[in-house]
Amino acid sequence: MALETTVVTFKLNGTFAQWAEIFDSDEANKRHADYGIKPLYRGVNKADPQQVIVIHQNQEGDLDKFLEANHDWISTHDVDMTSFDKSVWTAD
């Protein structure tokens, strides 16, 4: 499997500060580690404080597995799951 860098954007129904506290939590770190996902960056759009970007590195397909397994948990944190937009980048 190849190493991928994934760029995900989505909308929040709450505040970035509230979401970031959960994203940076020990529980989220463990959930990411369980799927070999390394978060590289997370930020909020200056022009739209409801839009978030997250950049991860992971083995091919692991982010999809993580999102499927953790969909319900993620959606309880004011994340609009219908707004997900993901792009995948490789060094190939």
N, C-alpha and C. Protein backbone atom coordinates (compact mmCIF):
# COMPACT_ATOMS: atom_id res chain seq x y z
N MET A 1 0.83 -1.19 0.00
CA MET A 1 0.00 0.00 0.00
C MET A 1 0.88 1.25 0.00
N ALA A 2 0.38 2.27 -0.63
CA ALA A 2 1.13 3.52 -0.75
C ALA A 2 0.73 4.50 0.35
N LEU A 3 1.69 5.33 0.72
CA LEU A 3 1.42 6.40 1.67
C LEU A 3 0.67 7.51 0.94
N GLU A 4 -0.41 7.98 1.54
CA GLU A 4 -1.22 9.04 0.96
C GLU A 4 -1.27 10.24 1.90
N THR A 5 -1.44 11.39 1.31
CA THR A 5 -1.77 12.59 2.07
C THR A 5 -3.19 12.94 1.66
N THR A 6 -4.07 13.05 2.64
CA THR A 6 -5.47 13.36 2.35
C THR A 6 -5.79 14.75 2.86
N VAL A 7 -6.53 15.47 2.04
CA VAL A 7 -7.00 16.81 2.39
C VAL A 7 -8.52 16.72 2.45
N VAL A 8 -9.07 17.01 3.63
CA VAL A 8 -10.50 16.92 3.84
C VAL A 8 -11.00 18.29 4.28
N THR A 9 -12.08 18.73 3.66
CA THR A 9 -12.76 19.94 4.12
C THR A 9 -14.20 19.57 4.45
N PHE A 10 -14.77 20.30 5.40
CA PHE A 10 -16.15 20.07 5.81
C PHE A 10 -16.65 21.27 6.59
N LYS A 11 -17.95 21.29 6.81
CA LYS A 11 -18.60 22.35 7.56
C LYS A 11 -18.90 21.88 8.98
N LEU A 12 -18.90 22.84 9.89
CA LEU A 12 -19.27 22.61 11.28
C LEU A 12 -20.62 23.24 11.57
N ASN A 13 -21.36 22.62 12.46
CA ASN A 13 -22.59 23.21 12.96
C ASN A 13 -22.34 23.94 14.28
N GLY A 14 -21.15 23.78 14.85
CA GLY A 14 -20.75 24.45 16.09
C GLY A 14 -19.54 25.33 15.81
N THR A 15 -18.75 25.56 16.84
CA THR A 15 -17.57 26.42 16.69
C THR A 15 -16.32 25.58 16.42
N PHE A 16 -15.36 26.21 15.78
CA PHE A 16 -14.09 25.56 15.52
C PHE A 16 -13.38 25.20 16.83
N ALA A 17 -13.43 26.10 17.80
CA ALA A 17 -12.76 25.86 19.08
C ALA A 17 -13.30 24.60 19.75
N GLN A 18 -14.62 24.43 19.73
CA GLN A 18 -15.22 23.24 20.33
C GLN A 18 -14.79 21.98 19.58
N TRP A 19 -14.84 22.05 18.25
CA TRP A 19 -14.44 20.90 17.44
C TRP A 19 -12.96 20.58 17.64
N ALA A 20 -12.09 21.61 17.63
CA ALA A 20 -10.64 21.40 17.76
C ALA A 20 -10.29 20.75 19.10
N GLU A 21 -11.02 21.10 20.15
CA GLU A 21 -10.78 20.48 21.45
C GLU A 21 -10.99 18.97 21.38
N ILE A 22 -12.02 18.54 20.66
CA ILE A 22 -12.30 17.12 20.50
C ILE A 22 -11.25 16.48 19.58
N PHE A 23 -10.94 17.15 18.46
CA PHE A 23 -9.98 16.62 17.50
C PHE A 23 -8.60 16.42 18.14
N ASP A 24 -8.23 17.31 19.05
CA ASP A 24 -6.93 17.25 19.71
C ASP A 24 -6.92 16.37 20.96
N SER A 25 -8.04 15.75 21.28
CA SER A 25 -8.17 14.97 22.52
C SER A 25 -7.40 13.64 22.44
N ASP A 26 -7.15 13.08 23.62
CA ASP A 26 -6.50 11.77 23.70
C ASP A 26 -7.33 10.71 22.99
N GLU A 27 -8.66 10.79 23.13
CA GLU A 27 -9.53 9.80 22.48
C GLU A 27 -9.39 9.87 20.96
N ALA A 28 -9.40 11.07 20.40
CA ALA A 28 -9.25 11.22 18.95
C ALA A 28 -7.87 10.74 18.51
N ASN A 29 -6.84 11.05 19.29
CA ASN A 29 -5.49 10.60 18.96
C ASN A 29 -5.42 9.07 18.92
N LYS A 30 -6.08 8.41 19.87
CA LYS A 30 -6.10 6.95 19.89
C LYS A 30 -6.85 6.41 18.68
N ARG A 31 -7.99 7.00 18.36
CA ARG A 31 -8.78 6.54 17.22
C ARG A 31 -7.98 6.68 15.92
N HIS A 32 -7.28 7.81 15.76
CA HIS A 32 -6.43 7.99 14.59
C HIS A 32 -5.33 6.94 14.55
N ALA A 33 -4.66 6.74 15.68
CA ALA A 33 -3.55 5.79 15.76
C ALA A 33 -4.01 4.36 15.44
N ASP A 34 -5.23 4.01 15.86
CA ASP A 34 -5.76 2.67 15.58
C ASP A 34 -5.82 2.38 14.08
N TYR A 35 -5.90 3.43 13.26
CA TYR A 35 -5.96 3.27 11.81
C TYR A 35 -4.68 3.75 11.12
N GLY A 36 -3.64 4.05 11.90
CA GLY A 36 -2.37 4.48 11.32
C GLY A 36 -2.44 5.85 10.68
N ILE A 37 -3.35 6.69 11.17
CA ILE A 37 -3.54 8.03 10.59
C ILE A 37 -2.75 9.05 11.39
N LYS A 38 -1.96 9.85 10.68
CA LYS A 38 -1.16 10.89 11.32
C LYS A 38 -1.71 12.26 10.89
N PRO A 39 -2.43 12.95 11.79
CA PRO A 39 -2.88 14.30 11.46
C PRO A 39 -1.68 15.24 11.32
N LEU A 40 -1.66 16.01 10.23
CA LEU A 40 -0.57 16.95 9.98
C LEU A 40 -0.97 18.40 10.24
N TYR A 41 -2.23 18.71 9.97
CA TYR A 41 -2.70 20.10 10.09
C TYR A 41 -4.21 20.11 10.19
N ARG A 42 -4.73 21.03 10.98
CA ARG A 42 -6.16 21.31 10.99
C ARG A 42 -6.31 22.81 11.19
N GLY A 43 -7.27 23.39 10.46
CA GLY A 43 -7.45 24.83 10.54
C GLY A 43 -8.85 25.21 10.11
N VAL A 44 -9.13 26.49 10.31
CA VAL A 44 -10.45 27.03 9.99
C VAL A 44 -10.30 28.12 8.93
N ASN A 45 -11.25 28.20 8.04
CA ASN A 45 -11.25 29.18 6.97
C ASN A 45 -11.49 30.58 7.56
N LYS A 46 -10.59 31.51 7.31
CA LYS A 46 -10.73 32.86 7.85
C LYS A 46 -11.99 33.55 7.32
N ALA A 47 -12.38 33.24 6.09
CA ALA A 47 -13.54 33.88 5.49
C ALA A 47 -14.85 33.19 5.88
N ASP A 48 -14.78 31.95 6.35
CA ASP A 48 -15.97 31.17 6.72
C ASP A 48 -15.64 30.33 7.94
N PRO A 49 -15.94 30.83 9.15
CA PRO A 49 -15.54 30.13 10.38
C PRO A 49 -16.25 28.80 10.62
N GLN A 50 -17.12 28.40 9.71
CA GLN A 50 -17.78 27.10 9.82
C GLN A 50 -17.08 26.06 8.95
N GLN A 51 -16.11 26.48 8.13
CA GLN A 51 -15.42 25.55 7.24
C GLN A 51 -14.06 25.17 7.81
N VAL A 52 -13.80 23.86 7.84
CA VAL A 52 -12.58 23.31 8.42
C VAL A 52 -11.82 22.54 7.35
N ILE A 53 -10.48 22.55 7.48
CA ILE A 53 -9.61 21.71 6.65
C ILE A 53 -8.79 20.84 7.59
N VAL A 54 -8.62 19.58 7.19
CA VAL A 54 -7.76 18.65 7.94
C VAL A 54 -6.89 17.93 6.92
N ILE A 55 -5.59 17.86 7.21
CA ILE A 55 -4.65 17.15 6.35
C ILE A 55 -4.04 16.02 7.17
N HIS A 56 -4.11 14.80 6.61
CA HIS A 56 -3.60 13.60 7.27
C HIS A 56 -2.61 12.90 6.35
N GLN A 57 -1.78 12.05 6.94
CA GLN A 57 -1.02 11.05 6.18
C GLN A 57 -1.43 9.68 6.69
N ASN A 58 -1.59 8.76 5.77
CA ASN A 58 -2.02 7.41 6.11
C ASN A 58 -1.75 6.48 4.94
N GLN A 59 -1.82 5.20 5.22
CA GLN A 59 -1.70 4.22 4.15
C GLN A 59 -2.98 4.26 3.31
N GLU A 60 -2.86 3.91 2.07
CA GLU A 60 -3.97 3.93 1.13
C GLU A 60 -5.20 3.23 1.71
N GLY A 61 -6.32 3.95 1.71
CA GLY A 61 -7.60 3.40 2.15
C GLY A 61 -7.87 3.48 3.63
N ASP A 62 -6.87 3.76 4.45
CA ASP A 62 -7.08 3.75 5.90
C ASP A 62 -7.98 4.88 6.38
N LEU A 63 -7.94 6.04 5.74
CA LEU A 63 -8.83 7.12 6.16
C LEU A 63 -10.29 6.74 5.90
N ASP A 64 -10.54 6.11 4.77
CA ASP A 64 -11.92 5.67 4.48
C ASP A 64 -12.39 4.67 5.53
N LYS A 65 -11.53 3.75 5.92
CA LYS A 65 -11.88 2.77 6.96
C LYS A 65 -12.18 3.48 8.28
N PHE A 66 -11.35 4.46 8.62
CA PHE A 66 -11.54 5.24 9.84
C PHE A 66 -12.88 5.98 9.81
N LEU A 67 -13.16 6.65 8.70
CA LEU A 67 -14.41 7.41 8.60
C LEU A 67 -15.63 6.51 8.69
N GLU A 68 -15.55 5.35 8.07
CA GLU A 68 -16.67 4.41 8.13
C GLU A 68 -16.89 3.90 9.56
N ALA A 69 -15.82 3.53 10.22
CA ALA A 69 -15.92 2.97 11.57
C ALA A 69 -16.30 4.02 12.61
N ASN A 70 -15.96 5.28 12.37
CA ASN A 70 -16.16 6.34 13.36
C ASN A 70 -17.20 7.39 12.94
N HIS A 71 -17.96 7.09 11.90
CA HIS A 71 -18.95 8.04 11.37
C HIS A 71 -19.87 8.59 12.47
N ASP A 72 -20.46 7.71 13.26
CA ASP A 72 -21.40 8.15 14.29
C ASP A 72 -20.72 9.01 15.34
N TRP A 73 -19.52 8.63 15.75
CA TRP A 73 -18.77 9.40 16.75
C TRP A 73 -18.43 10.79 16.21
N ILE A 74 -17.97 10.85 14.97
CA ILE A 74 -17.60 12.13 14.35
C ILE A 74 -18.82 13.04 14.23
N SER A 75 -19.94 12.49 13.81
CA SER A 75 -21.13 13.31 13.58
C SER A 75 -21.71 13.88 14.87
N THR A 76 -21.35 13.32 16.03
CA THR A 76 -21.83 13.88 17.30
C THR A 76 -21.04 15.11 17.73
N HIS A 77 -20.05 15.51 16.96
CA HIS A 77 -19.21 16.65 17.31
C HIS A 77 -19.48 17.85 16.40
N ASP A 78 -20.73 18.03 16.03
CA ASP A 78 -21.17 19.17 15.21
C ASP A 78 -20.53 19.21 13.83
N VAL A 79 -20.14 18.07 13.32
CA VAL A 79 -19.59 17.97 11.97
C VAL A 79 -20.73 17.66 11.01
N ASP A 80 -20.84 18.46 9.95
CA ASP A 80 -21.84 18.20 8.91
C ASP A 80 -21.25 17.16 7.96
N MET A 81 -21.62 15.91 8.18
CA MET A 81 -21.03 14.80 7.42
C MET A 81 -21.39 14.88 5.93
N THR A 82 -22.45 15.57 5.58
CA THR A 82 -22.83 15.69 4.17
C THR A 82 -21.94 16.67 3.42
N SER A 83 -21.15 17.46 4.14
CA SER A 83 -20.31 18.48 3.50
C SER A 83 -18.88 18.01 3.25
N PHE A 84 -18.56 16.76 3.57
CA PHE A 84 -17.20 16.25 3.40
C PHE A 84 -16.76 16.32 1.94
N ASP A 85 -15.55 16.84 1.76
CA ASP A 85 -14.90 16.84 0.44
C ASP A 85 -13.47 16.38 0.68
N LYS A 86 -13.08 15.29 0.02
CA LYS A 86 -11.77 14.70 0.26
C LYS A 86 -10.99 14.61 -1.04
N SER A 87 -9.71 14.98 -0.98
CA SER A 87 -8.82 14.75 -2.10
C SER A 87 -7.62 13.97 -1.58
N VAL A 88 -7.04 13.15 -2.45
CA VAL A 88 -5.93 12.26 -2.06
C VAL A 88 -4.72 12.64 -2.90
N TRP A 89 -3.57 12.75 -2.23
CA TRP A 89 -2.32 13.17 -2.87
C TRP A 89 -1.25 12.12 -2.60
N THR A 90 -0.42 11.85 -3.60
CA THR A 90 0.70 10.92 -3.43
C THR A 90 1.97 11.54 -4.00
N ALA A 91 3.10 10.93 -3.65
CA ALA A 91 4.38 11.40 -4.15
C ALA A 91 4.80 10.63 -5.41
N ASP A 92 3.94 9.77 -5.92
CA ASP A 92 4.25 8.96 -7.12
C ASP A 92 4.36 9.81 -8.35
